[in-house]
């Protein structure tokens, strides 16, 4: 499946990264400037009223796609890969623009999160399917919360933790230590425990043994360490950690996704456990369960495509023997 007018290899190619010293300096400068602005906003906008934050966020999102055309073209590229045979170019552009407005609003919501009480978080995010969390705790094995960068995923985690459920998440440390500290403090302000990659495996196993919930985002490129499974009709390298943990510990996997409503409130839904595929062939079982989890993520994205994080090169890694032209 490829976008109209493109060969299969071309459809999945993000092009070569520019390697000139000037380009690397320019990108690093952009990143430092963006981090500086974000840290300033986090200090000054924490107490902003919700409606004003949403207005600023939507304007910010519209501005960002103009400030960085490179990222906007990446969003369009990904949308063409996913929907090129299903949607018109006009529909794809409209999705991209809506995606930026959503991300701007989500950023402002994240900035406001440390200033919100547990009661305020619960009021802004409706939690459906909490009985599945309760059942998992009653069984004493905790649960893996399968999720992705859909809706405001930070609010989903915050809502679960604010509801009194023990939640541990795996996060990636940023190159900017101040930004890493901001992300860590914001997540922990809601009651979440956070492990950075490096101590993630040990921390994840400990959380499961403590009968806690482990949040796993399974929708980003996993490079050479991932398994290749179908995602929107194309093979995508996907982390196998959730499947490995489930097979090893018999821990239930609960799809846990949220979405933004038209009035900028949010809904978080916990689905029943995903049946575990176990044939005795470990390698097959890891791939089969990872494929099933990825298909669930795709189905959730299709319900709210403008609310997924399309700024990531999801299909960048290719399986051995396949190289984009």
C-alpha atoms as a PDB file:
ATOM      1  CA  UNK A   1       0.000   0.000   0.000  1.00  0.00           C
ATOM      2  CA  UNK A   2       1.617   3.272  -1.076  1.00  0.00           C
ATOM      3  CA  UNK A   3       0.615   6.849  -1.571  1.00  0.00           C
ATOM      4  CA  UNK A   4      -0.625   7.694  -5.031  1.00  0.00           C
ATOM      5  CA  UNK A   5       2.176   8.219  -7.524  1.00  0.00           C
ATOM      6  CA  UNK A   6       4.896   6.686  -5.324  1.00  0.00           C
ATOM      7  CA  UNK A   7       6.759   3.418  -5.582  1.00  0.00           C
ATOM      8  CA  UNK A   8       6.588   1.222  -2.421  1.00  0.00           C
ATOM      9  CA  UNK A   9      10.183   2.013  -1.440  1.00  0.00           C
ATOM     10  CA  UNK A  10       9.766   5.716  -2.132  1.00  0.00           C
ATOM     11  CA  UNK A  11       6.599   5.848  -0.038  1.00  0.00           C
ATOM     12  CA  UNK A  12       8.489   4.744   3.079  1.00  0.00           C
ATOM     13  CA  UNK A  13      11.606   6.833   2.526  1.00  0.00           C
ATOM     14  CA  UNK A  14      12.089   9.894   4.707  1.00  0.00           C
ATOM     15  CA  UNK A  15      15.071  10.981   2.644  1.00  0.00           C
ATOM     16  CA  UNK A  16      18.622  11.383   3.789  1.00  0.00           C
ATOM     17  CA  UNK A  17      19.475  13.313   6.923  1.00  0.00           C
ATOM     18  CA  UNK A  18      21.538  16.395   6.115  1.00  0.00           C
ATOM     19  CA  UNK A  19      25.000  15.947   7.581  1.00  0.00           C
ATOM     20  CA  UNK A  20      26.670  19.305   6.973  1.00  0.00           C
ATOM     21  CA  UNK A  21      28.073  21.071  10.059  1.00  0.00           C
ATOM     22  CA  UNK A  22      25.880  24.087   9.292  1.00  0.00           C
ATOM     23  CA  UNK A  23      22.697  21.994   9.207  1.00  0.00           C
ATOM     24  CA  UNK A  24      23.595  20.164  12.418  1.00  0.00           C
ATOM     25  CA  UNK A  25      24.308  23.489  14.127  1.00  0.00           C
ATOM     26  CA  UNK A  26      20.996  24.931  12.922  1.00  0.00           C
ATOM     27  CA  UNK A  27      18.998  21.942  14.170  1.00  0.00           C
ATOM     28  CA  UNK A  28      20.780  22.000  17.539  1.00  0.00           C
ATOM     29  CA  UNK A  29      20.073  25.726  17.832  1.00  0.00           C
ATOM     30  CA  UNK A  30      16.391  25.170  17.059  1.00  0.00           C
ATOM     31  CA  UNK A  31      16.212  22.444  19.689  1.00  0.00           C
ATOM     32  CA  UNK A  32      17.884  24.565  22.368  1.00  0.00           C
ATOM     33  CA  UNK A  33      15.608  27.504  21.569  1.00  0.00           C
ATOM     34  CA  UNK A  34      12.524  25.302  21.714  1.00  0.00           C
ATOM     35  CA  UNK A  35      13.573  23.810  25.047  1.00  0.00           C
ATOM     36  CA  UNK A  36      14.230  27.281  26.467  1.00  0.00           C
ATOM     37  CA  UNK A  37      10.780  28.492  25.423  1.00  0.00           C
ATOM     38  CA  UNK A  38       9.132  25.367  26.835  1.00  0.00           C
ATOM     39  CA  UNK A  39      10.876  25.741  30.196  1.00  0.00           C
ATOM     40  CA  UNK A  40       9.845  29.421  30.330  1.00  0.00           C
ATOM     41  CA  UNK A  41       6.242  28.532  29.550  1.00  0.00           C
ATOM     42  CA  UNK A  42       6.259  25.862  32.245  1.00  0.00           C
ATOM     43  CA  UNK A  43       7.246  28.470  34.829  1.00  0.00           C
ATOM     44  CA  UNK A  44       4.773  31.153  33.756  1.00  0.00           C
ATOM     45  CA  UNK A  45       1.701  29.307  32.435  1.00  0.00           C
ATOM     46  CA  UNK A  46       1.193  26.682  35.128  1.00  0.00           C
ATOM     47  CA  UNK A  47      -1.751  28.526  36.689  1.00  0.00           C
ATOM     48  CA  UNK A  48      -3.374  29.496  33.417  1.00  0.00           C
ATOM     49  CA  UNK A  49      -7.165  28.890  33.242  1.00  0.00           C
ATOM     50  CA  UNK A  50      -8.056  25.874  31.110  1.00  0.00           C
ATOM     51  CA  UNK A  51     -10.001  27.714  28.403  1.00  0.00           C
ATOM     52  CA  UNK A  52      -7.282  30.325  27.951  1.00  0.00           C
ATOM     53  CA  UNK A  53      -4.700  27.558  27.814  1.00  0.00           C
ATOM     54  CA  UNK A  54      -6.626  25.835  25.030  1.00  0.00           C
ATOM     55  CA  UNK A  55      -6.862  29.058  23.012  1.00  0.00           C
ATOM     56  CA  UNK A  56      -3.139  29.690  23.384  1.00  0.00           C
ATOM     57  CA  UNK A  57      -2.390  26.041  22.598  1.00  0.00           C
ATOM     58  CA  UNK A  58      -4.389  26.047  19.361  1.00  0.00           C
ATOM     59  CA  UNK A  59      -2.653  29.245  18.226  1.00  0.00           C
ATOM     60  CA  UNK A  60       0.714  27.806  19.223  1.00  0.00           C
ATOM     61  CA  UNK A  61       0.036  24.651  17.219  1.00  0.00           C
ATOM     62  CA  UNK A  62      -0.858  26.635  14.108  1.00  0.00           C
ATOM     63  CA  UNK A  63       2.327  28.666  14.561  1.00  0.00           C
ATOM     64  CA  UNK A  64       4.591  25.654  14.992  1.00  0.00           C
ATOM     65  CA  UNK A  65       3.720  24.157  11.631  1.00  0.00           C
ATOM     66  CA  UNK A  66       4.768  27.423  10.010  1.00  0.00           C
ATOM     67  CA  UNK A  67       7.896  27.864  12.133  1.00  0.00           C
ATOM     68  CA  UNK A  68       9.223  24.411  11.248  1.00  0.00           C
ATOM     69  CA  UNK A  69       8.202  23.370   7.708  1.00  0.00           C
ATOM     70  CA  UNK A  70      10.493  20.335   8.024  1.00  0.00           C
ATOM     71  CA  UNK A  71       8.328  18.841  10.755  1.00  0.00           C
ATOM     72  CA  UNK A  72       5.114  19.784   8.965  1.00  0.00           C
ATOM     73  CA  UNK A  73       6.293  17.941   5.864  1.00  0.00           C
ATOM     74  CA  UNK A  74       7.072  14.924   8.074  1.00  0.00           C
ATOM     75  CA  UNK A  75       3.499  14.947   9.392  1.00  0.00           C
ATOM     76  CA  UNK A  76       2.132  15.106   5.843  1.00  0.00           C
ATOM     77  CA  UNK A  77       4.493  12.310   4.782  1.00  0.00           C
ATOM     78  CA  UNK A  78       3.315  10.030   7.574  1.00  0.00           C
ATOM     79  CA  UNK A  79      -0.335  10.755   6.884  1.00  0.00           C
ATOM     80  CA  UNK A  80       0.188   9.893   3.206  1.00  0.00           C
ATOM     81  CA  UNK A  81       1.870   6.619   4.198  1.00  0.00           C
ATOM     82  CA  UNK A  82      -1.049   5.728   6.468  1.00  0.00           C
ATOM     83  CA  UNK A  83      -3.983   7.125   4.474  1.00  0.00           C
ATOM     84  CA  UNK A  84      -2.678   7.835   0.982  1.00  0.00           C
ATOM     85  CA  UNK A  85      -4.996   5.288  -0.597  1.00  0.00           C
ATOM     86  CA  UNK A  86      -7.974   6.210   1.599  1.00  0.00           C
ATOM     87  CA  UNK A  87      -8.068   9.999   1.842  1.00  0.00           C
ATOM     88  CA  UNK A  88      -7.704  12.896  -0.547  1.00  0.00           C
ATOM     89  CA  UNK A  89      -4.787  15.293  -0.316  1.00  0.00           C
ATOM     90  CA  UNK A  90      -7.137  17.961   1.044  1.00  0.00           C
ATOM     91  CA  UNK A  91      -8.292  15.597   3.803  1.00  0.00           C
ATOM     92  CA  UNK A  92      -4.682  14.794   4.668  1.00  0.00           C
ATOM     93  CA  UNK A  93      -3.802  18.492   4.939  1.00  0.00           C
ATOM     94  CA  UNK A  94      -6.834  19.105   7.148  1.00  0.00           C
ATOM     95  CA  UNK A  95      -5.775  16.196   9.389  1.00  0.00           C
ATOM     96  CA  UNK A  96      -2.243  17.600   9.635  1.00  0.00           C
ATOM     97  CA  UNK A  97      -3.494  21.051  10.620  1.00  0.00           C
ATOM     98  CA  UNK A  98      -5.887  19.594  13.206  1.00  0.00           C
ATOM     99  CA  UNK A  99      -3.029  17.471  14.572  1.00  0.00           C
ATOM    100  CA  UNK A 100      -0.955  20.586  15.249  1.00  0.00           C
ATOM    101  CA  UNK A 101      -3.816  22.362  17.022  1.00  0.00           C
ATOM    102  CA  UNK A 102      -4.377  19.276  19.174  1.00  0.00           C
ATOM    103  CA  UNK A 103      -0.682  19.019  20.045  1.00  0.00           C
ATOM    104  CA  UNK A 104      -0.569  22.701  20.992  1.00  0.00           C
ATOM    105  CA  UNK A 105      -3.516  22.243  23.332  1.00  0.00           C
ATOM    106  CA  UNK A 106      -1.967  19.078  24.781  1.00  0.00           C
ATOM    107  CA  UNK A 107       1.262  20.923  25.482  1.00  0.00           C
ATOM    108  CA  UNK A 108      -0.582  23.596  27.443  1.00  0.00           C
ATOM    109  CA  UNK A 109      -2.485  20.911  29.365  1.00  0.00           C
ATOM    110  CA  UNK A 110       0.801  19.227  30.249  1.00  0.00           C
ATOM    111  CA  UNK A 111       2.228  22.531  31.489  1.00  0.00           C
ATOM    112  CA  UNK A 112      -0.859  23.053  33.678  1.00  0.00           C
ATOM    113  CA  UNK A 113      -0.771  19.496  35.084  1.00  0.00           C
ATOM    114  CA  UNK A 114       1.457  20.141  38.152  1.00  0.00           C
ATOM    115  CA  UNK A 115      -0.864  22.938  39.244  1.00  0.00           C
ATOM    116  CA  UNK A 116      -3.944  20.708  39.167  1.00  0.00           C
ATOM    117  CA  UNK A 117      -5.284  18.768  42.127  1.00  0.00           C
ATOM    118  CA  UNK A 118      -6.263  15.115  41.814  1.00  0.00           C
ATOM    119  CA  UNK A 119      -9.907  16.203  41.926  1.00  0.00           C
ATOM    120  CA  UNK A 120      -9.403  18.661  39.049  1.00  0.00           C
ATOM    121  CA  UNK A 121      -7.677  16.002  36.943  1.00  0.00           C
ATOM    122  CA  UNK A 122     -10.528  13.573  37.578  1.00  0.00           C
ATOM    123  CA  UNK A 123     -13.072  16.233  36.620  1.00  0.00           C
ATOM    124  CA  UNK A 124     -11.353  16.982  33.303  1.00  0.00           C
ATOM    125  CA  UNK A 125     -10.846  13.334  32.280  1.00  0.00           C
ATOM    126  CA  UNK A 126     -13.688  10.807  32.371  1.00  0.00           C
ATOM    127  CA  UNK A 127     -12.399   7.322  33.173  1.00  0.00           C
ATOM    128  CA  UNK A 128     -14.269   4.418  31.619  1.00  0.00           C
ATOM    129  CA  UNK A 129     -13.576   0.740  32.287  1.00  0.00           C
ATOM    130  CA  UNK A 130     -12.068   1.204  35.743  1.00  0.00           C
ATOM    131  CA  UNK A 131     -13.509  -2.188  36.644  1.00  0.00           C
ATOM    132  CA  UNK A 132     -10.793  -3.795  34.519  1.00  0.00           C
ATOM    133  CA  UNK A 133      -8.147  -2.081  36.646  1.00  0.00           C
ATOM    134  CA  UNK A 134      -9.871  -3.280  39.808  1.00  0.00           C
ATOM    135  CA  UNK A 135     -10.092  -6.849  38.517  1.00  0.00           C
ATOM    136  CA  UNK A 136      -6.400  -6.853  37.638  1.00  0.00           C
ATOM    137  CA  UNK A 137      -5.466  -5.669  41.141  1.00  0.00           C
ATOM    138  CA  UNK A 138      -7.691  -8.333  42.670  1.00  0.00           C
ATOM    139  CA  UNK A 139      -5.798 -11.008  40.737  1.00  0.00           C
ATOM    140  CA  UNK A 140      -2.531  -9.778  42.259  1.00  0.00           C
ATOM    141  CA  UNK A 141      -0.498  -9.635  39.044  1.00  0.00           C
ATOM    142  CA  UNK A 142      -0.869  -5.971  38.192  1.00  0.00           C
ATOM    143  CA  UNK A 143      -1.312  -5.234  34.503  1.00  0.00           C
ATOM    144  CA  UNK A 144       0.469  -3.840  31.481  1.00  0.00           C
ATOM    145  CA  UNK A 145      -1.404  -0.790  30.220  1.00  0.00           C
ATOM    146  CA  UNK A 146      -0.984  -0.842  26.452  1.00  0.00           C
ATOM    147  CA  UNK A 147      -1.147   2.679  25.081  1.00  0.00           C
ATOM    148  CA  UNK A 148       0.329   5.069  22.545  1.00  0.00           C
ATOM    149  CA  UNK A 149       0.833   8.732  21.736  1.00  0.00           C
ATOM    150  CA  UNK A 150      -2.876   9.278  21.126  1.00  0.00           C
ATOM    151  CA  UNK A 151      -5.072  11.991  22.598  1.00  0.00           C
ATOM    152  CA  UNK A 152      -3.271  13.524  25.555  1.00  0.00           C
ATOM    153  CA  UNK A 153      -1.481  10.416  26.771  1.00  0.00           C
ATOM    154  CA  UNK A 154       0.050  12.323  29.692  1.00  0.00           C
ATOM    155  CA  UNK A 155      -3.430  13.173  30.973  1.00  0.00           C
ATOM    156  CA  UNK A 156      -4.499   9.537  30.649  1.00  0.00           C
ATOM    157  CA  UNK A 157      -1.625   8.470  32.910  1.00  0.00           C
ATOM    158  CA  UNK A 158      -2.315  11.353  35.240  1.00  0.00           C
ATOM    159  CA  UNK A 159      -6.004  10.424  35.467  1.00  0.00           C
ATOM    160  CA  UNK A 160      -5.230   6.803  36.340  1.00  0.00           C
ATOM    161  CA  UNK A 161      -2.721   7.838  39.016  1.00  0.00           C
ATOM    162  CA  UNK A 162      -5.011  10.575  40.361  1.00  0.00           C
ATOM    163  CA  UNK A 163      -7.701   7.924  40.771  1.00  0.00           C
ATOM    164  CA  UNK A 164      -5.479   6.149  43.288  1.00  0.00           C
ATOM    165  CA  UNK A 165      -4.175   3.402  41.003  1.00  0.00           C
ATOM    166  CA  UNK A 166      -0.451   2.576  41.318  1.00  0.00           C
ATOM    167  CA  UNK A 167       1.089   3.431  37.948  1.00  0.00           C
ATOM    168  CA  UNK A 168       4.678   3.103  36.759  1.00  0.00           C
ATOM    169  CA  UNK A 169       5.735   4.399  33.339  1.00  0.00           C
ATOM    170  CA  UNK A 170       8.871   3.984  31.250  1.00  0.00           C
ATOM    171  CA  UNK A 171      10.191   7.245  29.804  1.00  0.00           C
ATOM    172  CA  UNK A 172      13.126   8.348  27.688  1.00  0.00           C
ATOM    173  CA  UNK A 173      15.520  10.856  29.227  1.00  0.00           C
ATOM    174  CA  UNK A 174      16.049  13.994  27.130  1.00  0.00           C
ATOM    175  CA  UNK A 175      19.434  15.360  26.144  1.00  0.00           C
ATOM    176  CA  UNK A 176      18.595  18.569  27.986  1.00  0.00           C
ATOM    177  CA  UNK A 177      18.780  17.780  31.710  1.00  0.00           C
ATOM    178  CA  UNK A 178      16.490  20.681  32.615  1.00  0.00           C
ATOM    179  CA  UNK A 179      13.835  19.377  30.230  1.00  0.00           C
ATOM    180  CA  UNK A 180      14.222  15.859  31.614  1.00  0.00           C
ATOM    181  CA  UNK A 181      13.702  17.280  35.095  1.00  0.00           C
ATOM    182  CA  UNK A 182      10.561  19.137  34.003  1.00  0.00           C
ATOM    183  CA  UNK A 183       9.041  16.016  32.427  1.00  0.00           C
ATOM    184  CA  UNK A 184       9.923  13.892  35.441  1.00  0.00           C
ATOM    185  CA  UNK A 185       8.524  16.377  37.972  1.00  0.00           C
ATOM    186  CA  UNK A 186       5.314  16.865  35.981  1.00  0.00           C
ATOM    187  CA  UNK A 187       4.634  13.141  35.730  1.00  0.00           C
ATOM    188  CA  UNK A 188       5.470  12.502  39.362  1.00  0.00           C
ATOM    189  CA  UNK A 189       3.205  15.391  40.434  1.00  0.00           C
ATOM    190  CA  UNK A 190       0.181  13.235  39.563  1.00  0.00           C
ATOM    191  CA  UNK A 191       1.459  10.232  41.534  1.00  0.00           C
ATOM    192  CA  UNK A 192       3.102   8.278  38.722  1.00  0.00           C
ATOM    193  CA  UNK A 193       6.429   6.511  39.225  1.00  0.00           C
ATOM    194  CA  UNK A 194       8.866   7.036  36.358  1.00  0.00           C
ATOM    195  CA  UNK A 195      11.794   4.880  35.253  1.00  0.00           C
ATOM    196  CA  UNK A 196      14.127   6.037  32.530  1.00  0.00           C
ATOM    197  CA  UNK A 197      15.424   3.586  29.985  1.00  0.00           C
ATOM    198  CA  UNK A 198      18.500   1.883  31.372  1.00  0.00           C
ATOM    199  CA  UNK A 199      16.815   0.967  34.641  1.00  0.00           C
ATOM    200  CA  UNK A 200      13.551   0.252  32.820  1.00  0.00           C
ATOM    201  CA  UNK A 201      13.614  -3.554  32.782  1.00  0.00           C
ATOM    202  CA  UNK A 202      14.407  -3.897  36.457  1.00  0.00           C
ATOM    203  CA  UNK A 203      11.898  -1.191  37.374  1.00  0.00           C
ATOM    204  CA  UNK A 204       9.182  -2.719  35.207  1.00  0.00           C
ATOM    205  CA  UNK A 205       9.573  -6.164  36.743  1.00  0.00           C
ATOM    206  CA  UNK A 206       9.546  -4.655  40.225  1.00  0.00           C
ATOM    207  CA  UNK A 207       6.314  -2.788  39.460  1.00  0.00           C
ATOM    208  CA  UNK A 208       4.619  -5.955  38.247  1.00  0.00           C
ATOM    209  CA  UNK A 209       5.757  -7.856  41.337  1.00  0.00           C
ATOM    210  CA  UNK A 210       4.297  -5.091  43.505  1.00  0.00           C
ATOM    211  CA  UNK A 211       0.909  -5.606  41.805  1.00  0.00           C
ATOM    212  CA  UNK A 212       1.103  -2.240  40.047  1.00  0.00           C
ATOM    213  CA  UNK A 213       0.244  -1.047  36.558  1.00  0.00           C
ATOM    214  CA  UNK A 214       2.985  -0.619  33.994  1.00  0.00           C
ATOM    215  CA  UNK A 215       2.304   1.910  31.232  1.00  0.00           C
ATOM    216  CA  UNK A 216       3.882   0.956  27.897  1.00  0.00           C
ATOM    217  CA  UNK A 217       3.744   3.155  24.776  1.00  0.00           C
ATOM    218  CA  UNK A 218       4.168   0.813  21.848  1.00  0.00           C
ATOM    219  CA  UNK A 219       3.818   3.056  18.817  1.00  0.00           C
ATOM    220  CA  UNK A 220       7.309   4.364  18.039  1.00  0.00           C
ATOM    221  CA  UNK A 221      10.091   3.087  15.808  1.00  0.00           C
ATOM    222  CA  UNK A 222      12.194   0.536  17.726  1.00  0.00           C
ATOM    223  CA  UNK A 223      15.082   0.422  15.251  1.00  0.00           C
ATOM    224  CA  UNK A 224      17.117  -2.739  14.821  1.00  0.00           C
ATOM    225  CA  UNK A 225      15.995  -4.098  18.201  1.00  0.00           C
ATOM    226  CA  UNK A 226      12.301  -4.253  17.294  1.00  0.00           C
ATOM    227  CA  UNK A 227      10.187  -6.834  15.530  1.00  0.00           C
ATOM    228  CA  UNK A 228       8.553  -5.910  12.231  1.00  0.00           C
ATOM    229  CA  UNK A 229       4.753  -6.036  12.270  1.00  0.00           C
ATOM    230  CA  UNK A 230       2.021  -4.504  10.175  1.00  0.00           C
ATOM    231  CA  UNK A 231       1.027  -0.909  10.940  1.00  0.00           C
ATOM    232  CA  UNK A 232      -1.324   0.832   8.519  1.00  0.00           C
ATOM    233  CA  UNK A 233      -0.403  -1.652   5.779  1.00  0.00           C
ATOM    234  CA  UNK A 234       3.378  -1.303   6.137  1.00  0.00           C
ATOM    235  CA  UNK A 235       5.919  -3.185   8.225  1.00  0.00           C
ATOM    236  CA  UNK A 236       7.082  -1.105  11.188  1.00  0.00           C
ATOM    237  CA  UNK A 237       9.802  -1.882  13.738  1.00  0.00           C
ATOM    238  CA  UNK A 238       8.050  -2.239  17.092  1.00  0.00           C
ATOM    239  CA  UNK A 239       9.330  -2.801  20.622  1.00  0.00           C
ATOM    240  CA  UNK A 240       8.560  -6.321  21.832  1.00  0.00           C
ATOM    241  CA  UNK A 241       8.804  -5.527  25.531  1.00  0.00           C
ATOM    242  CA  UNK A 242       5.079  -5.717  26.289  1.00  0.00           C
ATOM    243  CA  UNK A 243       4.773  -9.159  24.674  1.00  0.00           C
ATOM    244  CA  UNK A 244       7.926 -10.422  26.389  1.00  0.00           C
ATOM    245  CA  UNK A 245       6.715  -9.236  29.801  1.00  0.00           C
ATOM    246  CA  UNK A 246       3.245 -10.685  29.295  1.00  0.00           C
ATOM    247  CA  UNK A 247       4.610 -14.073  28.234  1.00  0.00           C
ATOM    248  CA  UNK A 248       7.136 -14.147  31.059  1.00  0.00           C
ATOM    249  CA  UNK A 249       4.901 -13.000  33.907  1.00  0.00           C
ATOM    250  CA  UNK A 250       1.355 -13.925  32.752  1.00  0.00           C
ATOM    251  CA  UNK A 251       0.483 -10.282  33.407  1.00  0.00           C
ATOM    252  CA  UNK A 252      -2.740  -9.157  31.681  1.00  0.00           C
ATOM    253  CA  UNK A 253      -2.460  -6.499  28.968  1.00  0.00           C
ATOM    254  CA  UNK A 254      -5.171  -3.818  29.102  1.00  0.00           C
ATOM    255  CA  UNK A 255      -5.562  -1.405  26.155  1.00  0.00           C
ATOM    256  CA  UNK A 256      -5.701   2.052  27.756  1.00  0.00           C
ATOM    257  CA  UNK A 257      -6.314   4.991  25.435  1.00  0.00           C
ATOM    258  CA  UNK A 258      -7.678   8.494  25.703  1.00  0.00           C
ATOM    259  CA  UNK A 259      -9.042  11.078  23.327  1.00  0.00           C
ATOM    260  CA  UNK A 260      -9.983  14.741  23.285  1.00  0.00           C
ATOM    261  CA  UNK A 261     -13.680  15.593  23.113  1.00  0.00           C
ATOM    262  CA  UNK A 262     -15.059  18.556  21.108  1.00  0.00           C
ATOM    263  CA  UNK A 263     -15.345  20.637  24.313  1.00  0.00           C
ATOM    264  CA  UNK A 264     -11.663  19.923  25.175  1.00  0.00           C
ATOM    265  CA  UNK A 265     -12.522  17.581  28.016  1.00  0.00           C
ATOM    266  CA  UNK A 266     -10.987  14.119  27.750  1.00  0.00           C
ATOM    267  CA  UNK A 267     -12.094  10.522  27.966  1.00  0.00           C
ATOM    268  CA  UNK A 268      -9.817   7.663  29.028  1.00  0.00           C
ATOM    269  CA  UNK A 269     -11.014   4.119  28.388  1.00  0.00           C
ATOM    270  CA  UNK A 270      -9.620   0.888  29.814  1.00  0.00           C
ATOM    271  CA  UNK A 271     -10.533  -2.155  27.709  1.00  0.00           C
ATOM    272  CA  UNK A 272     -10.705  -5.806  28.800  1.00  0.00           C
ATOM    273  CA  UNK A 273      -7.479  -7.854  28.753  1.00  0.00           C
ATOM    274  CA  UNK A 274      -6.124  -8.864  25.345  1.00  0.00           C
ATOM    275  CA  UNK A 275      -6.040 -12.683  25.040  1.00  0.00           C
ATOM    276  CA  UNK A 276      -2.419 -13.841  25.086  1.00  0.00           C
ATOM    277  CA  UNK A 277      -1.182 -15.893  22.135  1.00  0.00           C
ATOM    278  CA  UNK A 278       0.927 -18.761  23.435  1.00  0.00           C
ATOM    279  CA  UNK A 279       1.890 -21.621  21.112  1.00  0.00           C
ATOM    280  CA  UNK A 280       5.144 -22.722  22.726  1.00  0.00           C
ATOM    281  CA  UNK A 281       7.245 -21.089  20.019  1.00  0.00           C
ATOM    282  CA  UNK A 282       8.593 -18.104  21.938  1.00  0.00           C
ATOM    283  CA  UNK A 283       9.844 -16.149  18.938  1.00  0.00           C
ATOM    284  CA  UNK A 284       6.542 -16.615  17.107  1.00  0.00           C
ATOM    285  CA  UNK A 285       4.539 -15.729  20.213  1.00  0.00           C
ATOM    286  CA  UNK A 286       6.466 -12.488  20.783  1.00  0.00           C
ATOM    287  CA  UNK A 287       5.893 -11.410  17.194  1.00  0.00           C
ATOM    288  CA  UNK A 288       2.240 -12.516  17.112  1.00  0.00           C
ATOM    289  CA  UNK A 289       1.352 -10.694  20.338  1.00  0.00           C
ATOM    290  CA  UNK A 290       3.262  -7.583  19.279  1.00  0.00           C
ATOM    291  CA  UNK A 291       1.362  -7.622  15.979  1.00  0.00           C
ATOM    292  CA  UNK A 292      -1.936  -7.907  17.856  1.00  0.00           C
ATOM    293  CA  UNK A 293      -1.077  -5.007  20.161  1.00  0.00           C
ATOM    294  CA  UNK A 294      -0.013  -2.872  17.203  1.00  0.00           C
ATOM    295  CA  UNK A 295      -3.251  -3.602  15.378  1.00  0.00           C
ATOM    296  CA  UNK A 296      -5.180  -2.425  18.447  1.00  0.00           C
ATOM    297  CA  UNK A 297      -3.182   0.822  18.430  1.00  0.00           C
ATOM    298  CA  UNK A 298      -3.933   1.322  14.735  1.00  0.00           C
ATOM    299  CA  UNK A 299      -7.650   0.784  15.326  1.00  0.00           C
ATOM    300  CA  UNK A 300      -7.625   3.383  18.105  1.00  0.00           C
ATOM    301  CA  UNK A 301      -5.744   5.891  15.933  1.00  0.00           C
ATOM    302  CA  UNK A 302      -8.282   5.454  13.133  1.00  0.00           C
ATOM    303  CA  UNK A 303     -11.050   6.636  15.465  1.00  0.00           C
ATOM    304  CA  UNK A 304      -9.203   9.927  16.152  1.00  0.00           C
ATOM    305  CA  UNK A 305      -6.469  10.248  13.493  1.00  0.00           C
ATOM    306  CA  UNK A 306      -5.933  13.952  14.138  1.00  0.00           C
ATOM    307  CA  UNK A 307      -4.919  13.152  17.727  1.00  0.00           C
ATOM    308  CA  UNK A 308      -1.939  10.874  17.092  1.00  0.00           C
ATOM    309  CA  UNK A 309       1.693  12.048  17.214  1.00  0.00           C
ATOM    310  CA  UNK A 310       2.483  12.068  13.485  1.00  0.00           C
ATOM    311  CA  UNK A 311       5.775  13.949  13.988  1.00  0.00           C
ATOM    312  CA  UNK A 312       7.691  10.695  14.526  1.00  0.00           C
ATOM    313  CA  UNK A 313       9.431   8.694  11.757  1.00  0.00           C
ATOM    314  CA  UNK A 314       7.434   5.573  12.537  1.00  0.00           C
ATOM    315  CA  UNK A 315       8.418   3.642   9.400  1.00  0.00           C
ATOM    316  CA  UNK A 316      12.071   4.722   9.254  1.00  0.00           C
ATOM    317  CA  UNK A 317      13.617   1.322  10.079  1.00  0.00           C
ATOM    318  CA  UNK A 318      13.176  -1.324   7.421  1.00  0.00           C
ATOM    319  CA  UNK A 319      13.434  -5.117   7.724  1.00  0.00           C
ATOM    320  CA  UNK A 320      16.542  -6.882   6.386  1.00  0.00           C
ATOM    321  CA  UNK A 321      16.415  -7.192   2.625  1.00  0.00           C
ATOM    322  CA  UNK A 322      14.068  -4.227   2.194  1.00  0.00           C
ATOM    323  CA  UNK A 323      15.635  -0.865   1.503  1.00  0.00           C
ATOM    324  CA  UNK A 324      13.681   2.171   0.312  1.00  0.00           C
ATOM    325  CA  UNK A 325      14.801   3.550  -3.033  1.00  0.00           C
END
